[in-house]
Amino acid sequence: MSFHRVFSGAQWEEHVGYCRALRAGDRVFVTGTAPVNPDGTVHAPRDGYAQAAHCLSIMLEALSGLGAGPEHVTRTRMFVTDIDRWEEFGRAHREVFGEHPPTTTMVEVRRLIHPDMLIEIEADAVVSD
């Protein structure tokens, strides 16, 4: 089985030793994706919708680099620091996956890697060769 990886250039990829997404055969795995701008700053502090949309945009770019799109996503996991804001996060998720809804989980966590981050999202996909 061949493995193909894509990197987003996020500072943590090299420091921690991971890639943004990996394709193994027909399976694609997107690592936890946080709302980080190219310069390393947190995107839209205090705006749950904007952060979720930004995470999903980064994910879609990674999926595209491995021959996948939102229609191939089978599962997402959303880690949020305030579950009471679920509608903000859910709206961004629905905008991307509304036509091809995957299974999903949203769970509240105590905190993420930066205090201004409200959400981190990961995804799995299946793509025919």
N, C-alpha and C. Protein backbone atom coordinates (compact mmCIF):
# COMPACT_ATOMS: atom_id res chain seq x y z
N MET A 1 0.85 -1.18 0.00
CA MET A 1 0.00 0.00 0.00
C MET A 1 0.89 1.24 0.00
N SER A 2 0.51 2.19 -0.82
CA SER A 2 1.29 3.43 -0.87
C SER A 2 0.68 4.47 0.06
N PHE A 3 1.54 5.36 0.54
CA PHE A 3 1.12 6.45 1.41
C PHE A 3 1.49 7.77 0.75
N HIS A 4 0.54 8.70 0.76
CA HIS A 4 0.77 10.03 0.22
C HIS A 4 0.42 11.03 1.31
N ARG A 5 1.27 12.03 1.49
CA ARG A 5 1.08 13.00 2.55
C ARG A 5 1.04 14.42 1.98
N VAL A 6 0.25 15.27 2.62
CA VAL A 6 0.28 16.70 2.31
C VAL A 6 0.53 17.46 3.61
N PHE A 7 1.19 18.58 3.47
CA PHE A 7 1.54 19.43 4.61
C PHE A 7 0.96 20.81 4.36
N SER A 8 0.55 21.47 5.42
CA SER A 8 0.00 22.82 5.28
C SER A 8 1.03 23.89 5.56
N GLY A 9 2.15 23.50 6.16
CA GLY A 9 3.16 24.48 6.53
C GLY A 9 2.97 25.03 7.94
N ALA A 10 1.98 24.52 8.66
CA ALA A 10 1.77 24.97 10.04
C ALA A 10 3.03 24.69 10.86
N GLN A 11 3.36 25.61 11.74
CA GLN A 11 4.60 25.50 12.52
C GLN A 11 4.68 24.21 13.31
N TRP A 12 3.55 23.69 13.75
CA TRP A 12 3.57 22.49 14.60
C TRP A 12 3.86 21.21 13.82
N GLU A 13 3.63 21.21 12.50
CA GLU A 13 3.86 19.99 11.73
C GLU A 13 5.31 19.51 11.89
N GLU A 14 6.25 20.40 11.70
CA GLU A 14 7.66 20.02 11.81
C GLU A 14 8.06 19.77 13.27
N HIS A 15 7.60 20.62 14.16
CA HIS A 15 7.99 20.49 15.58
C HIS A 15 7.47 19.21 16.22
N VAL A 16 6.27 18.82 15.86
CA VAL A 16 5.65 17.64 16.47
C VAL A 16 5.88 16.39 15.62
N GLY A 17 6.06 16.57 14.31
CA GLY A 17 6.31 15.45 13.42
C GLY A 17 5.04 14.81 12.89
N TYR A 18 4.21 15.61 12.22
CA TYR A 18 3.00 15.07 11.61
C TYR A 18 2.72 15.79 10.29
N CYS A 19 1.81 15.24 9.51
CA CYS A 19 1.39 15.88 8.27
C CYS A 19 -0.06 16.32 8.42
N ARG A 20 -0.51 17.22 7.56
CA ARG A 20 -1.89 17.70 7.61
C ARG A 20 -2.86 16.59 7.24
N ALA A 21 -2.51 15.82 6.21
CA ALA A 21 -3.39 14.73 5.79
C ALA A 21 -2.55 13.63 5.17
N LEU A 22 -3.09 12.43 5.25
CA LEU A 22 -2.40 11.25 4.74
C LEU A 22 -3.40 10.37 4.01
N ARG A 23 -3.00 9.92 2.83
CA ARG A 23 -3.83 8.97 2.08
C ARG A 23 -3.12 7.63 2.08
N ALA A 24 -3.83 6.60 2.53
CA ALA A 24 -3.34 5.22 2.54
C ALA A 24 -4.34 4.40 1.74
N GLY A 25 -3.98 4.08 0.50
CA GLY A 25 -4.93 3.39 -0.37
C GLY A 25 -6.12 4.29 -0.65
N ASP A 26 -7.32 3.80 -0.32
CA ASP A 26 -8.52 4.61 -0.56
C ASP A 26 -8.96 5.41 0.66
N ARG A 27 -8.19 5.36 1.73
CA ARG A 27 -8.53 6.07 2.98
C ARG A 27 -7.72 7.36 3.09
N VAL A 28 -8.39 8.40 3.57
CA VAL A 28 -7.73 9.68 3.80
C VAL A 28 -8.02 10.09 5.24
N PHE A 29 -6.97 10.54 5.92
CA PHE A 29 -7.08 10.97 7.31
C PHE A 29 -6.55 12.39 7.42
N VAL A 30 -7.38 13.29 7.92
CA VAL A 30 -6.97 14.68 8.11
C VAL A 30 -6.78 14.91 9.61
N THR A 31 -5.59 15.35 9.96
CA THR A 31 -5.26 15.57 11.36
C THR A 31 -6.10 16.69 11.97
N GLY A 32 -6.09 16.77 13.26
CA GLY A 32 -6.79 17.86 13.93
C GLY A 32 -6.35 19.19 13.35
N THR A 33 -7.30 19.95 12.86
CA THR A 33 -7.01 21.21 12.16
C THR A 33 -7.57 22.37 12.97
N ALA A 34 -6.67 23.23 13.39
CA ALA A 34 -7.01 24.37 14.23
C ALA A 34 -7.11 25.63 13.37
N PRO A 35 -7.76 26.67 13.87
CA PRO A 35 -7.95 27.91 13.12
C PRO A 35 -6.71 28.80 13.14
N VAL A 36 -5.72 28.41 12.38
CA VAL A 36 -4.44 29.11 12.37
C VAL A 36 -4.23 29.79 11.02
N ASN A 37 -3.84 31.05 11.06
CA ASN A 37 -3.50 31.79 9.85
C ASN A 37 -2.11 31.40 9.38
N PRO A 38 -1.78 31.68 8.11
CA PRO A 38 -0.44 31.34 7.60
C PRO A 38 0.71 31.91 8.43
N ASP A 39 0.50 33.06 9.07
CA ASP A 39 1.56 33.65 9.88
C ASP A 39 1.64 33.06 11.29
N GLY A 40 0.79 32.06 11.59
CA GLY A 40 0.83 31.40 12.88
C GLY A 40 -0.12 31.98 13.92
N THR A 41 -0.79 33.09 13.60
CA THR A 41 -1.73 33.67 14.55
C THR A 41 -3.06 32.92 14.51
N VAL A 42 -3.83 33.07 15.56
CA VAL A 42 -5.15 32.43 15.62
C VAL A 42 -6.13 33.26 14.78
N HIS A 43 -6.87 32.58 13.94
CA HIS A 43 -7.85 33.23 13.07
C HIS A 43 -9.10 33.60 13.88
N ALA A 44 -9.53 34.82 13.76
CA ALA A 44 -10.81 35.31 14.31
C ALA A 44 -11.06 34.91 15.77
N PRO A 45 -10.20 35.34 16.69
CA PRO A 45 -10.46 35.03 18.10
C PRO A 45 -11.88 35.42 18.51
N ARG A 46 -12.51 34.58 19.31
CA ARG A 46 -13.86 34.79 19.84
C ARG A 46 -14.98 34.60 18.83
N ASP A 47 -14.69 34.20 17.58
CA ASP A 47 -15.73 34.00 16.57
C ASP A 47 -15.78 32.52 16.20
N GLY A 48 -16.69 31.79 16.82
CA GLY A 48 -16.78 30.35 16.61
C GLY A 48 -17.07 29.95 15.18
N TYR A 49 -17.99 30.67 14.53
CA TYR A 49 -18.32 30.36 13.14
C TYR A 49 -17.10 30.56 12.24
N ALA A 50 -16.45 31.71 12.35
CA ALA A 50 -15.30 32.02 11.49
C ALA A 50 -14.16 31.04 11.73
N GLN A 51 -13.95 30.65 12.98
CA GLN A 51 -12.89 29.68 13.25
C GLN A 51 -13.22 28.32 12.64
N ALA A 52 -14.45 27.87 12.78
CA ALA A 52 -14.83 26.59 12.20
C ALA A 52 -14.71 26.62 10.68
N ALA A 53 -15.18 27.70 10.06
CA ALA A 53 -15.09 27.83 8.61
C ALA A 53 -13.62 27.81 8.16
N HIS A 54 -12.75 28.45 8.91
CA HIS A 54 -11.33 28.49 8.57
C HIS A 54 -10.72 27.09 8.68
N CYS A 55 -11.03 26.38 9.74
CA CYS A 55 -10.55 25.00 9.90
C CYS A 55 -10.99 24.15 8.71
N LEU A 56 -12.25 24.27 8.34
CA LEU A 56 -12.79 23.47 7.23
C LEU A 56 -12.14 23.86 5.91
N SER A 57 -11.83 25.12 5.72
CA SER A 57 -11.13 25.55 4.50
C SER A 57 -9.75 24.92 4.40
N ILE A 58 -9.02 24.91 5.49
CA ILE A 58 -7.70 24.28 5.53
C ILE A 58 -7.83 22.78 5.22
N MET A 59 -8.85 22.16 5.81
CA MET A 59 -9.08 20.73 5.59
C MET A 59 -9.40 20.44 4.13
N LEU A 60 -10.26 21.26 3.52
CA LEU A 60 -10.64 21.03 2.13
C LEU A 60 -9.44 21.15 1.21
N GLU A 61 -8.54 22.06 1.50
CA GLU A 61 -7.33 22.20 0.70
C GLU A 61 -6.46 20.94 0.82
N ALA A 62 -6.34 20.42 2.03
CA ALA A 62 -5.56 19.20 2.24
C ALA A 62 -6.22 18.01 1.53
N LEU A 63 -7.53 17.89 1.65
CA LEU A 63 -8.25 16.80 0.97
C LEU A 63 -8.04 16.88 -0.54
N SER A 64 -8.14 18.08 -1.07
CA SER A 64 -7.96 18.29 -2.50
C SER A 64 -6.59 17.81 -2.96
N GLY A 65 -5.57 18.05 -2.15
CA GLY A 65 -4.21 17.62 -2.48
C GLY A 65 -4.05 16.11 -2.53
N LEU A 66 -5.04 15.39 -2.04
CA LEU A 66 -5.02 13.92 -2.04
C LEU A 66 -6.15 13.34 -2.88
N GLY A 67 -6.74 14.16 -3.74
CA GLY A 67 -7.78 13.68 -4.64
C GLY A 67 -9.14 13.49 -4.00
N ALA A 68 -9.41 14.19 -2.91
CA ALA A 68 -10.69 14.04 -2.22
C ALA A 68 -11.37 15.38 -2.08
N GLY A 69 -12.66 15.34 -1.83
CA GLY A 69 -13.45 16.54 -1.60
C GLY A 69 -14.43 16.29 -0.48
N PRO A 70 -15.29 17.24 -0.19
CA PRO A 70 -16.22 17.07 0.92
C PRO A 70 -17.16 15.88 0.73
N GLU A 71 -17.43 15.51 -0.51
CA GLU A 71 -18.31 14.37 -0.77
C GLU A 71 -17.69 13.03 -0.37
N HIS A 72 -16.38 13.01 -0.15
CA HIS A 72 -15.68 11.78 0.24
C HIS A 72 -15.54 11.64 1.75
N VAL A 73 -15.83 12.68 2.48
CA VAL A 73 -15.65 12.66 3.94
C VAL A 73 -16.72 11.77 4.57
N THR A 74 -16.26 10.83 5.38
CA THR A 74 -17.17 9.88 6.04
C THR A 74 -17.38 10.21 7.51
N ARG A 75 -16.44 10.94 8.11
CA ARG A 75 -16.55 11.25 9.53
C ARG A 75 -15.76 12.51 9.85
N THR A 76 -16.35 13.36 10.69
CA THR A 76 -15.63 14.51 11.24
C THR A 76 -15.73 14.44 12.76
N ARG A 77 -14.75 15.04 13.39
CA ARG A 77 -14.74 15.17 14.85
C ARG A 77 -14.42 16.63 15.17
N MET A 78 -15.29 17.25 15.95
CA MET A 78 -15.09 18.64 16.32
C MET A 78 -14.83 18.71 17.82
N PHE A 79 -13.70 19.26 18.16
CA PHE A 79 -13.31 19.46 19.56
C PHE A 79 -13.48 20.94 19.85
N VAL A 80 -14.38 21.27 20.76
CA VAL A 80 -14.72 22.67 21.01
C VAL A 80 -14.52 23.00 22.49
N THR A 81 -14.20 24.26 22.75
CA THR A 81 -13.97 24.66 24.14
C THR A 81 -15.23 25.18 24.83
N ASP A 82 -16.32 25.36 24.06
CA ASP A 82 -17.58 25.80 24.65
C ASP A 82 -18.73 25.19 23.84
N ILE A 83 -19.26 24.08 24.32
CA ILE A 83 -20.31 23.35 23.60
C ILE A 83 -21.58 24.19 23.44
N ASP A 84 -21.77 25.20 24.29
CA ASP A 84 -22.94 26.07 24.16
C ASP A 84 -22.94 26.85 22.84
N ARG A 85 -21.79 26.90 22.17
CA ARG A 85 -21.69 27.60 20.89
C ARG A 85 -21.84 26.65 19.71
N TRP A 86 -22.46 25.49 19.95
CA TRP A 86 -22.57 24.45 18.94
C TRP A 86 -23.21 24.93 17.64
N GLU A 87 -24.14 25.88 17.72
CA GLU A 87 -24.80 26.35 16.50
C GLU A 87 -23.83 27.08 15.57
N GLU A 88 -22.91 27.85 16.13
CA GLU A 88 -21.91 28.54 15.31
C GLU A 88 -21.04 27.52 14.56
N PHE A 89 -20.57 26.54 15.30
CA PHE A 89 -19.71 25.51 14.70
C PHE A 89 -20.50 24.69 13.68
N GLY A 90 -21.71 24.32 14.08
CA GLY A 90 -22.55 23.50 13.22
C GLY A 90 -22.92 24.18 11.92
N ARG A 91 -23.14 25.49 11.96
CA ARG A 91 -23.48 26.22 10.73
C ARG A 91 -22.36 26.13 9.71
N ALA A 92 -21.13 26.33 10.15
CA ALA A 92 -19.99 26.22 9.22
C ALA A 92 -19.87 24.80 8.68
N HIS A 93 -20.06 23.81 9.53
CA HIS A 93 -19.98 22.40 9.12
C HIS A 93 -21.06 22.10 8.08
N ARG A 94 -22.28 22.55 8.33
CA ARG A 94 -23.39 22.31 7.40
C ARG A 94 -23.12 22.96 6.04
N GLU A 95 -22.53 24.16 6.04
CA GLU A 95 -22.25 24.84 4.77
C GLU A 95 -21.30 24.04 3.89
N VAL A 96 -20.38 23.31 4.49
CA VAL A 96 -19.43 22.51 3.73
C VAL A 96 -20.00 21.14 3.38
N PHE A 97 -20.67 20.51 4.34
CA PHE A 97 -21.08 19.11 4.17
C PHE A 97 -22.58 18.90 3.99
N GLY A 98 -23.36 19.97 3.85
CA GLY A 98 -24.81 19.84 3.77
C GLY A 98 -25.32 18.90 2.70
N GLU A 99 -24.67 18.89 1.54
CA GLU A 99 -25.12 18.02 0.45
C GLU A 99 -24.63 16.58 0.61
N HIS A 100 -23.57 16.38 1.38
CA HIS A 100 -22.99 15.04 1.60
C HIS A 100 -22.66 14.90 3.08
N PRO A 101 -23.66 14.84 3.95
CA PRO A 101 -23.37 14.84 5.39
C PRO A 101 -22.63 13.59 5.86
N PRO A 102 -21.49 13.79 6.51
CA PRO A 102 -20.76 12.67 7.09
C PRO A 102 -21.30 12.37 8.50
N THR A 103 -20.82 11.31 9.09
CA THR A 103 -21.06 11.14 10.51
C THR A 103 -20.18 12.16 11.22
N THR A 104 -20.58 12.56 12.42
CA THR A 104 -19.78 13.56 13.12
C THR A 104 -19.94 13.44 14.63
N THR A 105 -18.98 13.98 15.31
CA THR A 105 -19.01 14.07 16.77
C THR A 105 -18.54 15.47 17.14
N MET A 106 -19.22 16.07 18.11
CA MET A 106 -18.76 17.35 18.67
C MET A 106 -18.65 17.13 20.18
N VAL A 107 -17.46 17.36 20.71
CA VAL A 107 -17.25 17.20 22.14
C VAL A 107 -16.56 18.44 22.69
N GLU A 108 -16.89 18.75 23.93
CA GLU A 108 -16.25 19.87 24.61
C GLU A 108 -14.97 19.38 25.28
N VAL A 109 -13.91 20.16 25.08
CA VAL A 109 -12.63 19.88 25.72
C VAL A 109 -12.27 21.05 26.61
N ARG A 110 -11.40 20.81 27.55
CA ARG A 110 -11.02 21.87 28.49
C ARG A 110 -10.32 23.02 27.81
N ARG A 111 -9.39 22.71 26.90
CA ARG A 111 -8.70 23.76 26.16
C ARG A 111 -7.98 23.16 24.96
N LEU A 112 -7.57 24.06 24.06
CA LEU A 112 -6.79 23.68 22.89
C LEU A 112 -5.39 24.27 23.05
N ILE A 113 -4.56 24.15 22.03
CA ILE A 113 -3.14 24.51 22.15
C ILE A 113 -2.92 26.01 22.38
N HIS A 114 -3.89 26.84 22.00
CA HIS A 114 -3.81 28.29 22.23
C HIS A 114 -5.12 28.75 22.86
N PRO A 115 -5.07 29.63 23.84
CA PRO A 115 -6.31 30.02 24.54
C PRO A 115 -7.35 30.71 23.67
N ASP A 116 -6.97 31.28 22.53
CA ASP A 116 -7.93 31.93 21.64
C ASP A 116 -8.62 30.96 20.68
N MET A 117 -8.18 29.71 20.66
CA MET A 117 -8.79 28.71 19.78
C MET A 117 -10.05 28.16 20.42
N LEU A 118 -11.13 28.15 19.65
CA LEU A 118 -12.41 27.65 20.13
C LEU A 118 -12.73 26.26 19.58
N ILE A 119 -12.07 25.86 18.49
CA ILE A 119 -12.41 24.61 17.81
C ILE A 119 -11.20 24.02 17.10
N GLU A 120 -11.18 22.71 17.02
CA GLU A 120 -10.23 21.96 16.20
C GLU A 120 -11.03 20.83 15.57
N ILE A 121 -10.79 20.57 14.28
CA ILE A 121 -11.59 19.58 13.56
C ILE A 121 -10.67 18.58 12.87
N GLU A 122 -11.06 17.31 12.89
CA GLU A 122 -10.36 16.29 12.11
C GLU A 122 -11.38 15.55 11.26
N ALA A 123 -10.89 14.84 10.25
CA ALA A 123 -11.80 14.16 9.32
C ALA A 123 -11.18 12.89 8.76
N ASP A 124 -12.05 11.98 8.36
CA ASP A 124 -11.67 10.77 7.63
C ASP A 124 -12.47 10.76 6.34
N ALA A 125 -11.89 10.21 5.29
CA ALA A 125 -12.57 10.13 4.00
C ALA A 125 -12.21 8.83 3.31
N VAL A 126 -13.04 8.46 2.33
CA VAL A 126 -12.78 7.28 1.50
C VAL A 126 -12.90 7.73 0.05
N VAL A 127 -11.85 7.41 -0.75
CA VAL A 127 -11.79 7.79 -2.15
C VAL A 127 -11.44 6.57 -2.97
N SER A 128 -12.25 6.27 -3.97
CA SER A 128 -11.93 5.14 -4.85
C SER A 128 -10.69 5.45 -5.66
N ASP A 129 -9.86 4.46 -5.86
CA ASP A 129 -8.63 4.66 -6.67
C ASP A 129 -8.96 4.79 -8.13
